[in-house]
Amino acid sequence: MKSAPDGDVCMKWSETLRTYHNASCELESELQSQHELGLSEFEVLQALAVHSDRDADPQVRMKALEAEMYLSQSALSRTVSRLEKAGLVERGECDFDRRASFLTLTEQGKARWNAASPTHRAVLTKHLG
């Protein structure tokens, strides 16, 4: 029979979950009230902003974004649809693969992400710093 898990590890895990829960709830609240963004929406904008800063091509394949995110395919699709409706991202079709689509951060999306980034960082610093 295996021995019981180390109590310190279990306590650390519980502490990690509490920290995550508290930080994500506050992020959701602050981003929504100050910037009209949900946490998932902010995370998508951030991923697109990082790609556009890093790569010469500002388009990001939806499948590549999905691999980076913690969202399911359907949740990501719904999030992208909300961002697209708000004019923060544009969705384009792939010329060589009809099943694929690309996302591009709009100027409005970049501005919203830039405005929300200090709020995001402040909440994370409060909980993790």
N, C-alpha and C. Protein backbone atom coordinates (compact mmCIF):
# COMPACT_ATOMS: atom_id res chain seq x y z
N MET A 1 0.84 -1.18 0.00
CA MET A 1 0.00 0.00 0.00
C MET A 1 0.89 1.24 0.00
N LYS A 2 0.51 2.24 -0.81
CA LYS A 2 1.29 3.46 -0.90
C LYS A 2 1.03 4.33 0.32
N SER A 3 2.05 5.10 0.69
CA SER A 3 1.89 5.98 1.84
C SER A 3 1.06 7.20 1.43
N ALA A 4 0.51 7.88 2.42
CA ALA A 4 -0.30 9.08 2.18
C ALA A 4 0.58 10.18 1.59
N PRO A 5 0.00 11.04 0.75
CA PRO A 5 0.78 12.13 0.16
C PRO A 5 1.37 13.03 1.26
N ASP A 6 2.48 13.60 0.93
CA ASP A 6 3.14 14.52 1.85
C ASP A 6 2.21 15.69 2.16
N GLY A 7 1.98 15.96 3.43
CA GLY A 7 1.08 17.03 3.86
C GLY A 7 1.51 18.39 3.34
N ASP A 8 2.81 18.67 3.29
CA ASP A 8 3.29 19.95 2.80
C ASP A 8 2.93 20.15 1.33
N VAL A 9 3.04 19.10 0.55
CA VAL A 9 2.70 19.19 -0.87
C VAL A 9 1.20 19.45 -1.04
N CYS A 10 0.40 18.77 -0.25
CA CYS A 10 -1.06 18.95 -0.32
C CYS A 10 -1.45 20.37 0.10
N MET A 11 -0.81 20.86 1.14
CA MET A 11 -1.11 22.23 1.58
C MET A 11 -0.68 23.24 0.53
N LYS A 12 0.47 23.00 -0.10
CA LYS A 12 0.96 23.88 -1.16
C LYS A 12 -0.02 23.89 -2.33
N TRP A 13 -0.53 22.71 -2.68
CA TRP A 13 -1.49 22.61 -3.76
C TRP A 13 -2.76 23.39 -3.42
N SER A 14 -3.27 23.26 -2.22
CA SER A 14 -4.47 23.98 -1.80
C SER A 14 -4.23 25.49 -1.83
N GLU A 15 -3.06 25.90 -1.39
CA GLU A 15 -2.70 27.33 -1.42
C GLU A 15 -2.64 27.84 -2.86
N THR A 16 -2.08 27.03 -3.75
CA THR A 16 -2.01 27.41 -5.17
C THR A 16 -3.41 27.58 -5.76
N LEU A 17 -4.31 26.66 -5.45
CA LEU A 17 -5.68 26.75 -5.94
C LEU A 17 -6.39 27.99 -5.41
N ARG A 18 -6.20 28.30 -4.13
CA ARG A 18 -6.81 29.50 -3.54
C ARG A 18 -6.28 30.76 -4.21
N THR A 19 -4.97 30.80 -4.41
CA THR A 19 -4.35 31.96 -5.05
C THR A 19 -4.89 32.12 -6.47
N TYR A 20 -4.93 31.03 -7.22
CA TYR A 20 -5.46 31.07 -8.58
C TYR A 20 -6.91 31.56 -8.58
N HIS A 21 -7.72 30.99 -7.73
CA HIS A 21 -9.14 31.36 -7.66
C HIS A 21 -9.29 32.84 -7.34
N ASN A 22 -8.61 33.31 -6.32
CA ASN A 22 -8.74 34.71 -5.92
C ASN A 22 -8.23 35.65 -7.01
N ALA A 23 -7.10 35.32 -7.61
CA ALA A 23 -6.55 36.18 -8.66
C ALA A 23 -7.45 36.18 -9.88
N SER A 24 -7.92 35.03 -10.32
CA SER A 24 -8.74 34.98 -11.53
C SER A 24 -10.09 35.68 -11.32
N CYS A 25 -10.67 35.55 -10.13
CA CYS A 25 -11.93 36.25 -9.85
C CYS A 25 -11.73 37.77 -9.87
N GLU A 26 -10.66 38.23 -9.26
CA GLU A 26 -10.40 39.67 -9.26
C GLU A 26 -10.04 40.16 -10.67
N LEU A 27 -9.27 39.38 -11.41
CA LEU A 27 -8.96 39.76 -12.79
C LEU A 27 -10.23 39.88 -13.61
N GLU A 28 -11.09 38.90 -13.51
CA GLU A 28 -12.37 38.93 -14.25
C GLU A 28 -13.16 40.19 -13.90
N SER A 29 -13.26 40.49 -12.62
CA SER A 29 -14.03 41.65 -12.16
C SER A 29 -13.41 42.97 -12.62
N GLU A 30 -12.11 43.12 -12.41
CA GLU A 30 -11.44 44.38 -12.75
C GLU A 30 -11.37 44.61 -14.26
N LEU A 31 -11.06 43.57 -15.02
CA LEU A 31 -11.00 43.73 -16.47
C LEU A 31 -12.38 44.06 -17.04
N GLN A 32 -13.41 43.44 -16.49
CA GLN A 32 -14.76 43.70 -16.96
C GLN A 32 -15.21 45.13 -16.62
N SER A 33 -15.01 45.52 -15.37
CA SER A 33 -15.50 46.84 -14.95
C SER A 33 -14.70 47.99 -15.54
N GLN A 34 -13.41 47.82 -15.71
CA GLN A 34 -12.57 48.92 -16.19
C GLN A 34 -12.36 48.93 -17.70
N HIS A 35 -12.46 47.73 -18.34
CA HIS A 35 -12.08 47.66 -19.76
C HIS A 35 -13.08 46.90 -20.63
N GLU A 36 -14.19 46.47 -20.03
CA GLU A 36 -15.21 45.71 -20.75
C GLU A 36 -14.63 44.48 -21.45
N LEU A 37 -13.76 43.77 -20.72
CA LEU A 37 -13.15 42.54 -21.20
C LEU A 37 -13.28 41.46 -20.14
N GLY A 38 -13.58 40.25 -20.57
CA GLY A 38 -13.48 39.12 -19.68
C GLY A 38 -12.03 38.66 -19.64
N LEU A 39 -11.70 37.82 -18.69
CA LEU A 39 -10.33 37.33 -18.57
C LEU A 39 -9.92 36.53 -19.81
N SER A 40 -10.78 35.68 -20.32
CA SER A 40 -10.47 34.91 -21.52
C SER A 40 -10.26 35.83 -22.71
N GLU A 41 -11.07 36.86 -22.82
CA GLU A 41 -10.91 37.82 -23.91
C GLU A 41 -9.57 38.53 -23.82
N PHE A 42 -9.21 38.94 -22.61
CA PHE A 42 -7.91 39.58 -22.43
C PHE A 42 -6.79 38.64 -22.83
N GLU A 43 -6.87 37.38 -22.41
CA GLU A 43 -5.82 36.41 -22.71
C GLU A 43 -5.66 36.19 -24.22
N VAL A 44 -6.77 36.19 -24.95
CA VAL A 44 -6.69 36.04 -26.41
C VAL A 44 -6.02 37.28 -27.01
N LEU A 45 -6.45 38.47 -26.56
CA LEU A 45 -5.81 39.70 -27.06
C LEU A 45 -4.32 39.70 -26.76
N GLN A 46 -3.97 39.26 -25.57
CA GLN A 46 -2.55 39.23 -25.19
C GLN A 46 -1.76 38.27 -26.07
N ALA A 47 -2.31 37.09 -26.32
CA ALA A 47 -1.62 36.12 -27.18
C ALA A 47 -1.43 36.70 -28.59
N LEU A 48 -2.44 37.36 -29.11
CA LEU A 48 -2.33 37.96 -30.44
C LEU A 48 -1.34 39.12 -30.45
N ALA A 49 -1.32 39.90 -29.38
CA ALA A 49 -0.37 41.02 -29.29
C ALA A 49 1.06 40.51 -29.24
N VAL A 50 1.29 39.46 -28.49
CA VAL A 50 2.63 38.88 -28.40
C VAL A 50 3.07 38.35 -29.77
N HIS A 51 2.17 37.67 -30.46
CA HIS A 51 2.48 37.16 -31.80
C HIS A 51 2.79 38.31 -32.76
N SER A 52 1.98 39.37 -32.72
CA SER A 52 2.19 40.46 -33.67
C SER A 52 3.47 41.22 -33.37
N ASP A 53 3.89 41.27 -32.11
CA ASP A 53 5.16 41.92 -31.76
C ASP A 53 6.35 41.05 -32.15
N ARG A 54 6.18 39.73 -32.05
CA ARG A 54 7.27 38.78 -32.27
C ARG A 54 7.46 38.41 -33.74
N ASP A 55 6.36 38.28 -34.47
CA ASP A 55 6.41 37.78 -35.84
C ASP A 55 6.18 38.92 -36.84
N ALA A 56 6.75 38.76 -38.01
CA ALA A 56 6.54 39.74 -39.08
C ALA A 56 5.09 39.69 -39.57
N ASP A 57 4.50 38.50 -39.57
CA ASP A 57 3.12 38.32 -40.01
C ASP A 57 2.19 38.46 -38.82
N PRO A 58 1.30 39.44 -38.84
CA PRO A 58 0.42 39.65 -37.68
C PRO A 58 -0.71 38.63 -37.56
N GLN A 59 -0.88 37.79 -38.59
CA GLN A 59 -1.94 36.79 -38.54
C GLN A 59 -1.50 35.59 -37.72
N VAL A 60 -2.42 35.10 -36.91
CA VAL A 60 -2.15 33.92 -36.10
C VAL A 60 -3.18 32.87 -36.47
N ARG A 61 -2.71 31.69 -36.76
CA ARG A 61 -3.61 30.59 -37.09
C ARG A 61 -4.40 30.22 -35.84
N MET A 62 -5.69 30.06 -36.00
CA MET A 62 -6.58 29.74 -34.87
C MET A 62 -6.10 28.47 -34.16
N LYS A 63 -5.63 27.49 -34.90
CA LYS A 63 -5.16 26.24 -34.30
C LYS A 63 -3.93 26.49 -33.42
N ALA A 64 -3.05 27.39 -33.85
CA ALA A 64 -1.86 27.72 -33.04
C ALA A 64 -2.28 28.43 -31.75
N LEU A 65 -3.26 29.30 -31.84
CA LEU A 65 -3.76 29.99 -30.66
C LEU A 65 -4.40 29.00 -29.69
N GLU A 66 -5.13 28.07 -30.24
CA GLU A 66 -5.78 27.05 -29.42
C GLU A 66 -4.76 26.25 -28.62
N ALA A 67 -3.61 25.97 -29.22
CA ALA A 67 -2.57 25.20 -28.54
C ALA A 67 -1.96 25.97 -27.37
N GLU A 68 -2.00 27.29 -27.43
CA GLU A 68 -1.43 28.13 -26.37
C GLU A 68 -2.40 28.42 -25.24
N MET A 69 -3.68 28.30 -25.50
CA MET A 69 -4.69 28.73 -24.55
C MET A 69 -5.14 27.59 -23.64
N TYR A 70 -5.74 27.95 -22.56
CA TYR A 70 -6.29 27.00 -21.60
C TYR A 70 -7.76 26.72 -21.88
N LEU A 71 -8.28 27.26 -22.97
CA LEU A 71 -9.69 27.12 -23.31
C LEU A 71 -9.92 25.93 -24.25
N SER A 72 -11.10 25.36 -24.17
CA SER A 72 -11.46 24.33 -25.14
C SER A 72 -11.66 25.00 -26.50
N GLN A 73 -11.71 24.19 -27.54
CA GLN A 73 -11.89 24.73 -28.89
C GLN A 73 -13.18 25.54 -28.98
N SER A 74 -14.27 25.02 -28.43
CA SER A 74 -15.56 25.74 -28.52
C SER A 74 -15.54 27.02 -27.69
N ALA A 75 -14.93 26.98 -26.51
CA ALA A 75 -14.86 28.19 -25.68
C ALA A 75 -14.00 29.25 -26.35
N LEU A 76 -12.90 28.83 -26.97
CA LEU A 76 -12.06 29.77 -27.69
C LEU A 76 -12.82 30.38 -28.86
N SER A 77 -13.54 29.57 -29.57
CA SER A 77 -14.32 30.05 -30.72
C SER A 77 -15.36 31.08 -30.28
N ARG A 78 -16.04 30.82 -29.18
CA ARG A 78 -17.03 31.78 -28.65
C ARG A 78 -16.35 33.09 -28.22
N THR A 79 -15.19 32.95 -27.58
CA THR A 79 -14.45 34.13 -27.14
C THR A 79 -14.02 34.97 -28.34
N VAL A 80 -13.49 34.31 -29.36
CA VAL A 80 -13.05 35.01 -30.57
C VAL A 80 -14.25 35.68 -31.24
N SER A 81 -15.39 35.02 -31.27
CA SER A 81 -16.60 35.61 -31.87
C SER A 81 -16.99 36.90 -31.15
N ARG A 82 -16.92 36.90 -29.82
CA ARG A 82 -17.23 38.12 -29.05
C ARG A 82 -16.24 39.24 -29.39
N LEU A 83 -14.96 38.88 -29.46
CA LEU A 83 -13.93 39.87 -29.79
C LEU A 83 -14.11 40.40 -31.21
N GLU A 84 -14.47 39.53 -32.12
CA GLU A 84 -14.70 39.93 -33.51
C GLU A 84 -15.90 40.87 -33.60
N LYS A 85 -16.96 40.54 -32.90
CA LYS A 85 -18.17 41.38 -32.89
C LYS A 85 -17.87 42.77 -32.33
N ALA A 86 -16.95 42.83 -31.36
CA ALA A 86 -16.57 44.11 -30.74
C ALA A 86 -15.55 44.88 -31.59
N GLY A 87 -15.08 44.27 -32.68
CA GLY A 87 -14.12 44.93 -33.55
C GLY A 87 -12.68 44.88 -33.04
N LEU A 88 -12.39 43.96 -32.12
CA LEU A 88 -11.05 43.87 -31.52
C LEU A 88 -10.13 42.90 -32.26
N VAL A 89 -10.72 41.95 -32.98
CA VAL A 89 -9.96 41.03 -33.82
C VAL A 89 -10.69 40.87 -35.15
N GLU A 90 -9.93 40.44 -36.14
CA GLU A 90 -10.52 40.10 -37.44
C GLU A 90 -10.18 38.65 -37.73
N ARG A 91 -11.15 37.95 -38.27
CA ARG A 91 -10.95 36.55 -38.64
C ARG A 91 -10.85 36.48 -40.16
N GLY A 92 -9.86 35.76 -40.64
CA GLY A 92 -9.68 35.60 -42.08
C GLY A 92 -9.54 34.13 -42.44
N GLU A 93 -9.84 33.83 -43.67
CA GLU A 93 -9.74 32.45 -44.14
C GLU A 93 -8.35 32.18 -44.67
N CYS A 94 -7.97 30.94 -44.57
CA CYS A 94 -6.69 30.49 -45.07
C CYS A 94 -6.83 30.14 -46.55
N ASP A 95 -5.93 30.67 -47.38
CA ASP A 95 -5.99 30.42 -48.82
C ASP A 95 -5.73 28.97 -49.19
N PHE A 96 -4.89 28.29 -48.43
CA PHE A 96 -4.48 26.94 -48.80
C PHE A 96 -5.15 25.84 -47.98
N ASP A 97 -5.94 26.21 -46.96
CA ASP A 97 -6.64 25.21 -46.15
C ASP A 97 -7.98 25.80 -45.72
N ARG A 98 -9.04 25.35 -46.36
CA ARG A 98 -10.37 25.93 -46.09
C ARG A 98 -10.85 25.69 -44.66
N ARG A 99 -10.29 24.69 -43.99
CA ARG A 99 -10.70 24.40 -42.61
C ARG A 99 -10.05 25.35 -41.62
N ALA A 100 -8.96 25.99 -42.02
CA ALA A 100 -8.19 26.84 -41.12
C ALA A 100 -8.66 28.29 -41.21
N SER A 101 -8.48 29.01 -40.13
CA SER A 101 -8.74 30.45 -40.14
C SER A 101 -7.62 31.16 -39.39
N PHE A 102 -7.47 32.42 -39.73
CA PHE A 102 -6.44 33.25 -39.12
C PHE A 102 -7.10 34.36 -38.31
N LEU A 103 -6.41 34.80 -37.28
CA LEU A 103 -6.87 35.92 -36.48
C LEU A 103 -5.84 37.03 -36.55
N THR A 104 -6.34 38.25 -36.59
CA THR A 104 -5.48 39.42 -36.57
C THR A 104 -6.02 40.39 -35.54
N LEU A 105 -5.15 40.94 -34.75
CA LEU A 105 -5.51 41.96 -33.77
C LEU A 105 -5.72 43.27 -34.51
N THR A 106 -6.86 43.91 -34.30
CA THR A 106 -7.13 45.20 -34.93
C THR A 106 -6.45 46.31 -34.12
N GLU A 107 -6.40 47.49 -34.68
CA GLU A 107 -5.86 48.64 -33.94
C GLU A 107 -6.66 48.89 -32.67
N GLN A 108 -7.97 48.76 -32.77
CA GLN A 108 -8.84 48.91 -31.60
C GLN A 108 -8.54 47.83 -30.56
N GLY A 109 -8.28 46.62 -31.02
CA GLY A 109 -7.94 45.52 -30.11
C GLY A 109 -6.61 45.76 -29.43
N LYS A 110 -5.63 46.25 -30.19
CA LYS A 110 -4.32 46.56 -29.62
C LYS A 110 -4.45 47.67 -28.57
N ALA A 111 -5.25 48.68 -28.86
CA ALA A 111 -5.46 49.78 -27.92
C ALA A 111 -6.14 49.29 -26.64
N ARG A 112 -7.14 48.41 -26.78
CA ARG A 112 -7.85 47.89 -25.61
C ARG A 112 -6.91 47.04 -24.78
N TRP A 113 -6.09 46.20 -25.44
CA TRP A 113 -5.12 45.38 -24.72
C TRP A 113 -4.10 46.26 -23.99
N ASN A 114 -3.60 47.28 -24.65
CA ASN A 114 -2.64 48.20 -24.01
C ASN A 114 -3.25 48.89 -22.80
N ALA A 115 -4.51 49.27 -22.90
CA ALA A 115 -5.18 49.94 -21.78
C ALA A 115 -5.41 48.97 -20.61
N ALA A 116 -5.72 47.72 -20.92
CA ALA A 116 -6.04 46.73 -19.88
C ALA A 116 -4.81 46.08 -19.26
N SER A 117 -3.69 46.11 -19.95
CA SER A 117 -2.48 45.44 -19.46
C SER A 117 -2.02 45.90 -18.07
N PRO A 118 -2.02 47.21 -17.78
CA PRO A 118 -1.63 47.62 -16.42
C PRO A 118 -2.56 47.08 -15.33
N THR A 119 -3.85 47.00 -15.62
CA THR A 119 -4.81 46.44 -14.66
C THR A 119 -4.49 44.96 -14.43
N HIS A 120 -4.26 44.24 -15.51
CA HIS A 120 -3.92 42.83 -15.43
C HIS A 120 -2.67 42.63 -14.59
N ARG A 121 -1.63 43.40 -14.88
CA ARG A 121 -0.36 43.29 -14.16
C ARG A 121 -0.53 43.65 -12.67
N ALA A 122 -1.30 44.68 -12.38
CA ALA A 122 -1.50 45.10 -10.99
C ALA A 122 -2.18 44.02 -10.17
N VAL A 123 -3.20 43.39 -10.73
CA VAL A 123 -3.90 42.31 -10.00
C VAL A 123 -2.97 41.12 -9.80
N LEU A 124 -2.22 40.77 -10.84
CA LEU A 124 -1.29 39.65 -10.70
C LEU A 124 -0.20 39.95 -9.67
N THR A 125 0.30 41.16 -9.68
CA THR A 125 1.32 41.56 -8.71
C THR A 125 0.76 41.47 -7.29
N LYS A 126 -0.47 41.92 -7.12
CA LYS A 126 -1.13 41.86 -5.80
C LYS A 126 -1.19 40.42 -5.29
N HIS A 127 -1.54 39.50 -6.17
CA HIS A 127 -1.74 38.11 -5.73
C HIS A 127 -0.48 37.25 -5.80
N LEU A 128 0.43 37.58 -6.69
CA LEU A 128 1.59 36.73 -6.89
C LEU A 128 2.91 37.38 -6.48
N GLY A 129 2.90 38.71 -6.38
CA GLY A 129 4.13 39.44 -6.07
C GLY A 129 4.37 39.44 -4.63
